[in-house]
Amino acid sequence: MEPNDNTMGFEMELSDQEIRTLYYCICEAIRVWPGSPARPAEEQEYLYHLKSEFFKMILEISLEA
């Protein structure tokens, strides 16, 4: 997903547990996502993108452990 001109960028430091917790939250959001038109269709695509990115982080944590 490419940021558009109207987005702001942020940086944060997250612990291993915070990354795992956020991954769980994203998975749950996908699981209970009510669908369009209750929520924008792009939201589901973005949730899948976030899930993939957080999964990559979890894999990196696992490799370094």
PDB file of N, CA and C in Angstrom:
ATOM      1  N   MET A   1       0.844  -1.165   0.000  1.00  0.00           N
ATOM      2  CA  MET A   1       0.000   0.000   0.000  1.00  0.00           C
ATOM      3  C   MET A   1       0.894   1.234   0.000  1.00  0.00           C
ATOM      4  N   GLU A   2       0.613   2.112  -0.891  1.00  0.00           N
ATOM      5  CA  GLU A   2       1.395   3.324  -1.029  1.00  0.00           C
ATOM      6  C   GLU A   2       0.717   4.474  -0.286  1.00  0.00           C
ATOM      7  N   PRO A   3       1.481   5.195   0.522  1.00  0.00           N
ATOM      8  CA  PRO A   3       0.870   6.353   1.186  1.00  0.00           C
ATOM      9  C   PRO A   3       0.527   7.425   0.157  1.00  0.00           C
ATOM     10  N   ASN A   4      -0.555   8.158   0.398  1.00  0.00           N
ATOM     11  CA  ASN A   4      -0.885   9.254  -0.498  1.00  0.00           C
ATOM     12  C   ASN A   4      -0.396  10.564   0.114  1.00  0.00           C
ATOM     13  N   ASP A   5      -0.641  11.657  -0.570  1.00  0.00           N
ATOM     14  CA  ASP A   5      -0.138  12.962  -0.116  1.00  0.00           C
ATOM     15  C   ASP A   5      -0.781  13.431   1.181  1.00  0.00           C
ATOM     16  N   ASN A   6      -1.905  12.846   1.574  1.00  0.00           N
ATOM     17  CA  ASN A   6      -2.623  13.294   2.759  1.00  0.00           C
ATOM     18  C   ASN A   6      -2.271  12.494   4.007  1.00  0.00           C
ATOM     19  N   THR A   7      -1.301  11.589   3.928  1.00  0.00           N
ATOM     20  CA  THR A   7      -0.981  10.774   5.088  1.00  0.00           C
ATOM     21  C   THR A   7       0.211  11.348   5.835  1.00  0.00           C
ATOM     22  N   MET A   8       0.235  11.066   7.116  1.00  0.00           N
ATOM     23  CA  MET A   8       1.355  11.464   7.956  1.00  0.00           C
ATOM     24  C   MET A   8       2.144  10.208   8.278  1.00  0.00           C
ATOM     25  N   GLY A   9       3.426  10.348   8.486  1.00  0.00           N
ATOM     26  CA  GLY A   9       4.253   9.213   8.853  1.00  0.00           C
ATOM     27  C   GLY A   9       4.677   9.311  10.308  1.00  0.00           C
ATOM     28  N   PHE A  10       4.732   8.168  10.961  1.00  0.00           N
ATOM     29  CA  PHE A  10       5.141   8.104  12.366  1.00  0.00           C
ATOM     30  C   PHE A  10       6.113   6.955  12.544  1.00  0.00           C
ATOM     31  N   GLU A  11       6.935   7.053  13.547  1.00  0.00           N
ATOM     32  CA  GLU A  11       7.822   5.962  13.921  1.00  0.00           C
ATOM     33  C   GLU A  11       7.588   5.661  15.388  1.00  0.00           C
ATOM     34  N   MET A  12       7.618   4.369  15.739  1.00  0.00           N
ATOM     35  CA  MET A  12       7.510   3.971  17.127  1.00  0.00           C
ATOM     36  C   MET A  12       8.386   2.759  17.354  1.00  0.00           C
ATOM     37  N   GLU A  13       8.782   2.588  18.588  1.00  0.00           N
ATOM     38  CA  GLU A  13       9.510   1.387  18.972  1.00  0.00           C
ATOM     39  C   GLU A  13       8.537   0.479  19.686  1.00  0.00           C
ATOM     40  N   LEU A  14       8.497  -0.783  19.265  1.00  0.00           N
ATOM     41  CA  LEU A  14       7.586  -1.753  19.855  1.00  0.00           C
ATOM     42  C   LEU A  14       8.371  -2.934  20.393  1.00  0.00           C
ATOM     43  N   SER A  15       7.931  -3.447  21.522  1.00  0.00           N
ATOM     44  CA  SER A  15       8.551  -4.647  22.077  1.00  0.00           C
ATOM     45  C   SER A  15       8.023  -5.867  21.319  1.00  0.00           C
ATOM     46  N   ASP A  16       8.677  -6.998  21.526  1.00  0.00           N
ATOM     47  CA  ASP A  16       8.221  -8.249  20.910  1.00  0.00           C
ATOM     48  C   ASP A  16       6.765  -8.514  21.265  1.00  0.00           C
ATOM     49  N   GLN A  17       6.426  -8.353  22.535  1.00  0.00           N
ATOM     50  CA  GLN A  17       5.061  -8.624  22.984  1.00  0.00           C
ATOM     51  C   GLN A  17       4.065  -7.654  22.367  1.00  0.00           C
ATOM     52  N   GLU A  18       4.436  -6.410  22.215  1.00  0.00           N
ATOM     53  CA  GLU A  18       3.540  -5.435  21.587  1.00  0.00           C
ATOM     54  C   GLU A  18       3.277  -5.797  20.128  1.00  0.00           C
ATOM     55  N   ILE A  19       4.305  -6.254  19.430  1.00  0.00           N
ATOM     56  CA  ILE A  19       4.139  -6.668  18.030  1.00  0.00           C
ATOM     57  C   ILE A  19       3.197  -7.864  17.951  1.00  0.00           C
ATOM     58  N   ARG A  20       3.389  -8.829  18.820  1.00  0.00           N
ATOM     59  CA  ARG A  20       2.510 -10.010  18.820  1.00  0.00           C
ATOM     60  C   ARG A  20       1.067  -9.632  19.171  1.00  0.00           C
ATOM     61  N   THR A  21       0.901  -8.719  20.105  1.00  0.00           N
ATOM     62  CA  THR A  21      -0.435  -8.284  20.504  1.00  0.00           C
ATOM     63  C   THR A  21      -1.126  -7.543  19.363  1.00  0.00           C
ATOM     64  N   LEU A  22      -0.407  -6.663  18.698  1.00  0.00           N
ATOM     65  CA  LEU A  22      -0.998  -5.941  17.577  1.00  0.00           C
ATOM     66  C   LEU A  22      -1.325  -6.878  16.412  1.00  0.00           C
ATOM     67  N   TYR A  23      -0.486  -7.887  16.187  1.00  0.00           N
ATOM     68  CA  TYR A  23      -0.771  -8.881  15.151  1.00  0.00           C
ATOM     69  C   TYR A  23      -2.085  -9.593  15.477  1.00  0.00           C
ATOM     70  N   TYR A  24      -2.253  -9.976  16.732  1.00  0.00           N
ATOM     71  CA  TYR A  24      -3.494 -10.623  17.164  1.00  0.00           C
ATOM     72  C   TYR A  24      -4.694  -9.697  16.924  1.00  0.00           C
ATOM     73  N   CYS A  25      -4.552  -8.436  17.285  1.00  0.00           N
ATOM     74  CA  CYS A  25      -5.641  -7.469  17.104  1.00  0.00           C
ATOM     75  C   CYS A  25      -6.012  -7.327  15.632  1.00  0.00           C
ATOM     76  N   ILE A  26      -5.019  -7.278  14.769  1.00  0.00           N
ATOM     77  CA  ILE A  26      -5.277  -7.166  13.333  1.00  0.00           C
ATOM     78  C   ILE A  26      -6.001  -8.411  12.825  1.00  0.00           C
ATOM     79  N   CYS A  27      -5.556  -9.591  13.263  1.00  0.00           N
ATOM     80  CA  CYS A  27      -6.217 -10.841  12.857  1.00  0.00           C
ATOM     81  C   CYS A  27      -7.670 -10.855  13.312  1.00  0.00           C
ATOM     82  N   GLU A  28      -7.929 -10.383  14.524  1.00  0.00           N
ATOM     83  CA  GLU A  28      -9.300 -10.337  15.032  1.00  0.00           C
ATOM     84  C   GLU A  28     -10.135  -9.321  14.255  1.00  0.00           C
ATOM     85  N   ALA A  29      -9.547  -8.198  13.905  1.00  0.00           N
ATOM     86  CA  ALA A  29     -10.265  -7.196  13.117  1.00  0.00           C
ATOM     87  C   ALA A  29     -10.666  -7.769  11.764  1.00  0.00           C
ATOM     88  N   ILE A  30      -9.789  -8.559  11.153  1.00  0.00           N
ATOM     89  CA  ILE A  30     -10.116  -9.216   9.885  1.00  0.00           C
ATOM     90  C   ILE A  30     -11.237 -10.233  10.104  1.00  0.00           C
ATOM     91  N   ARG A  31     -11.143 -10.990  11.178  1.00  0.00           N
ATOM     92  CA  ARG A  31     -12.117 -12.045  11.446  1.00  0.00           C
ATOM     93  C   ARG A  31     -13.536 -11.485  11.623  1.00  0.00           C
ATOM     94  N   VAL A  32     -13.654 -10.353  12.308  1.00  0.00           N
ATOM     95  CA  VAL A  32     -14.982  -9.804  12.597  1.00  0.00           C
ATOM     96  C   VAL A  32     -15.359  -8.636  11.682  1.00  0.00           C
ATOM     97  N   TRP A  33     -14.555  -8.394  10.654  1.00  0.00           N
ATOM     98  CA  TRP A  33     -14.805  -7.272   9.755  1.00  0.00           C
ATOM     99  C   TRP A  33     -16.207  -7.397   9.172  1.00  0.00           C
ATOM    100  N   PRO A  34     -17.064  -6.365   9.338  1.00  0.00           N
ATOM    101  CA  PRO A  34     -18.466  -6.474   8.928  1.00  0.00           C
ATOM    102  C   PRO A  34     -18.701  -6.383   7.424  1.00  0.00           C
ATOM    103  N   GLY A  35     -17.687  -6.004   6.695  1.00  0.00           N
ATOM    104  CA  GLY A  35     -17.845  -5.906   5.242  1.00  0.00           C
ATOM    105  C   GLY A  35     -18.341  -4.554   4.800  1.00  0.00           C
ATOM    106  N   SER A  36     -18.327  -4.409   3.494  1.00  0.00           N
ATOM    107  CA  SER A  36     -18.803  -3.177   2.887  1.00  0.00           C
ATOM    108  C   SER A  36     -20.308  -3.305   2.690  1.00  0.00           C
ATOM    109  N   PRO A  37     -21.108  -2.319   2.870  1.00  0.00           N
ATOM    110  CA  PRO A  37     -20.807  -0.902   3.047  1.00  0.00           C
ATOM    111  C   PRO A  37     -20.673  -0.456   4.504  1.00  0.00           C
ATOM    112  N   ALA A  38     -20.776  -1.384   5.466  1.00  0.00           N
ATOM    113  CA  ALA A  38     -20.625  -0.986   6.871  1.00  0.00           C
ATOM    114  C   ALA A  38     -19.258  -0.356   7.113  1.00  0.00           C
ATOM    115  N   ARG A  39     -18.243  -0.878   6.445  1.00  0.00           N
ATOM    116  CA  ARG A  39     -16.888  -0.327   6.516  1.00  0.00           C
ATOM    117  C   ARG A  39     -16.377  -0.195   5.087  1.00  0.00           C
ATOM    118  N   PRO A  40     -15.465   0.740   4.828  1.00  0.00           N
ATOM    119  CA  PRO A  40     -14.936   0.900   3.470  1.00  0.00           C
ATOM    120  C   PRO A  40     -14.217  -0.373   3.005  1.00  0.00           C
ATOM    121  N   ALA A  41     -14.411  -0.747   1.751  1.00  0.00           N
ATOM    122  CA  ALA A  41     -13.785  -1.956   1.204  1.00  0.00           C
ATOM    123  C   ALA A  41     -12.262  -1.895   1.298  1.00  0.00           C
ATOM    124  N   GLU A  42     -11.685  -0.703   1.147  1.00  0.00           N
ATOM    125  CA  GLU A  42     -10.224  -0.559   1.205  1.00  0.00           C
ATOM    126  C   GLU A  42      -9.677  -0.934   2.576  1.00  0.00           C
ATOM    127  N   GLU A  43     -10.507  -0.812   3.585  1.00  0.00           N
ATOM    128  CA  GLU A  43     -10.070  -1.134   4.942  1.00  0.00           C
ATOM    129  C   GLU A  43      -9.649  -2.595   5.051  1.00  0.00           C
ATOM    130  N   GLN A  44     -10.403  -3.491   4.432  1.00  0.00           N
ATOM    131  CA  GLN A  44     -10.052  -4.909   4.485  1.00  0.00           C
ATOM    132  C   GLN A  44      -8.709  -5.154   3.811  1.00  0.00           C
ATOM    133  N   GLU A  45      -8.479  -4.516   2.670  1.00  0.00           N
ATOM    134  CA  GLU A  45      -7.191  -4.647   1.978  1.00  0.00           C
ATOM    135  C   GLU A  45      -6.062  -4.150   2.868  1.00  0.00           C
ATOM    136  N   TYR A  46      -6.280  -3.029   3.544  1.00  0.00           N
ATOM    137  CA  TYR A  46      -5.247  -2.471   4.402  1.00  0.00           C
ATOM    138  C   TYR A  46      -4.987  -3.368   5.611  1.00  0.00           C
ATOM    139  N   LEU A  47      -6.042  -3.970   6.155  1.00  0.00           N
ATOM    140  CA  LEU A  47      -5.856  -4.903   7.274  1.00  0.00           C
ATOM    141  C   LEU A  47      -4.998  -6.094   6.847  1.00  0.00           C
ATOM    142  N   TYR A  48      -5.245  -6.625   5.658  1.00  0.00           N
ATOM    143  CA  TYR A  48      -4.421  -7.739   5.169  1.00  0.00           C
ATOM    144  C   TYR A  48      -2.970  -7.304   4.960  1.00  0.00           C
ATOM    145  N   HIS A  49      -2.783  -6.077   4.502  1.00  0.00           N
ATOM    146  CA  HIS A  49      -1.421  -5.545   4.350  1.00  0.00           C
ATOM    147  C   HIS A  49      -0.728  -5.450   5.713  1.00  0.00           C
ATOM    148  N   LEU A  50      -1.429  -4.897   6.698  1.00  0.00           N
ATOM    149  CA  LEU A  50      -0.859  -4.788   8.042  1.00  0.00           C
ATOM    150  C   LEU A  50      -0.553  -6.154   8.632  1.00  0.00           C
ATOM    151  N   LYS A  51      -1.452  -7.115   8.412  1.00  0.00           N
ATOM    152  CA  LYS A  51      -1.230  -8.477   8.914  1.00  0.00           C
ATOM    153  C   LYS A  51       0.063  -9.046   8.344  1.00  0.00           C
ATOM    154  N   SER A  52       0.269  -8.860   7.056  1.00  0.00           N
ATOM    155  CA  SER A  52       1.486  -9.352   6.405  1.00  0.00           C
ATOM    156  C   SER A  52       2.736  -8.685   6.981  1.00  0.00           C
ATOM    157  N   GLU A  53       2.677  -7.373   7.181  1.00  0.00           N
ATOM    158  CA  GLU A  53       3.841  -6.648   7.709  1.00  0.00           C
ATOM    159  C   GLU A  53       4.163  -7.069   9.143  1.00  0.00           C
ATOM    160  N   PHE A  54       3.132  -7.235   9.963  1.00  0.00           N
ATOM    161  CA  PHE A  54       3.377  -7.650  11.345  1.00  0.00           C
ATOM    162  C   PHE A  54       3.856  -9.103  11.405  1.00  0.00           C
ATOM    163  N   PHE A  55       3.383  -9.943  10.485  1.00  0.00           N
ATOM    164  CA  PHE A  55       3.855 -11.323  10.444  1.00  0.00           C
ATOM    165  C   PHE A  55       5.340 -11.354  10.107  1.00  0.00           C
ATOM    166  N   LYS A  56       5.774 -10.501   9.201  1.00  0.00           N
ATOM    167  CA  LYS A  56       7.201 -10.401   8.872  1.00  0.00           C
ATOM    168  C   LYS A  56       8.014 -10.034  10.116  1.00  0.00           C
ATOM    169  N   MET A  57       7.487  -9.108  10.920  1.00  0.00           N
ATOM    170  CA  MET A  57       8.186  -8.718  12.146  1.00  0.00           C
ATOM    171  C   MET A  57       8.286  -9.894  13.108  1.00  0.00           C
ATOM    172  N   ILE A  58       7.209 -10.669  13.232  1.00  0.00           N
ATOM    173  CA  ILE A  58       7.217 -11.830  14.121  1.00  0.00           C
ATOM    174  C   ILE A  58       8.233 -12.859  13.635  1.00  0.00           C
ATOM    175  N   LEU A  59       8.339 -13.045  12.334  1.00  0.00           N
ATOM    176  CA  LEU A  59       9.344 -13.969  11.792  1.00  0.00           C
ATOM    177  C   LEU A  59      10.755 -13.501  12.120  1.00  0.00           C
ATOM    178  N   GLU A  60      10.985 -12.200  11.994  1.00  0.00           N
ATOM    179  CA  GLU A  60      12.308 -11.654  12.348  1.00  0.00           C
ATOM    180  C   GLU A  60      12.614 -11.884  13.820  1.00  0.00           C
ATOM    181  N   ILE A  61      11.627 -11.672  14.682  1.00  0.00           N
ATOM    182  CA  ILE A  61      11.810 -11.910  16.126  1.00  0.00           C
ATOM    183  C   ILE A  61      12.168 -13.369  16.357  1.00  0.00           C
ATOM    184  N   SER A  62      11.468 -14.267  15.673  1.00  0.00           N
ATOM    185  CA  SER A  62      11.713 -15.707  15.843  1.00  0.00           C
ATOM    186  C   SER A  62      13.107 -16.101  15.402  1.00  0.00           C
ATOM    187  N   LEU A  63      13.586 -15.495  14.334  1.00  0.00           N
ATOM    188  CA  LEU A  63      14.917 -15.825  13.830  1.00  0.00           C
ATOM    189  C   LEU A  63      16.023 -15.339  14.763  1.00  0.00           C
ATOM    190  N   GLU A  64      15.767 -14.244  15.444  1.00  0.00           N
ATOM    191  CA  GLU A  64      16.778 -13.689  16.349  1.00  0.00           C
ATOM    192  C   GLU A  64      16.756 -14.321  17.739  1.00  0.00           C
ATOM    193  N   ALA A  65      15.712 -15.073  18.043  1.00  0.00           N
ATOM    194  CA  ALA A  65      15.578 -15.666  19.372  1.00  0.00           C
ATOM    195  C   ALA A  65      16.496 -16.864  19.531  1.00  0.00           C
TER     196      ALA A  65
END
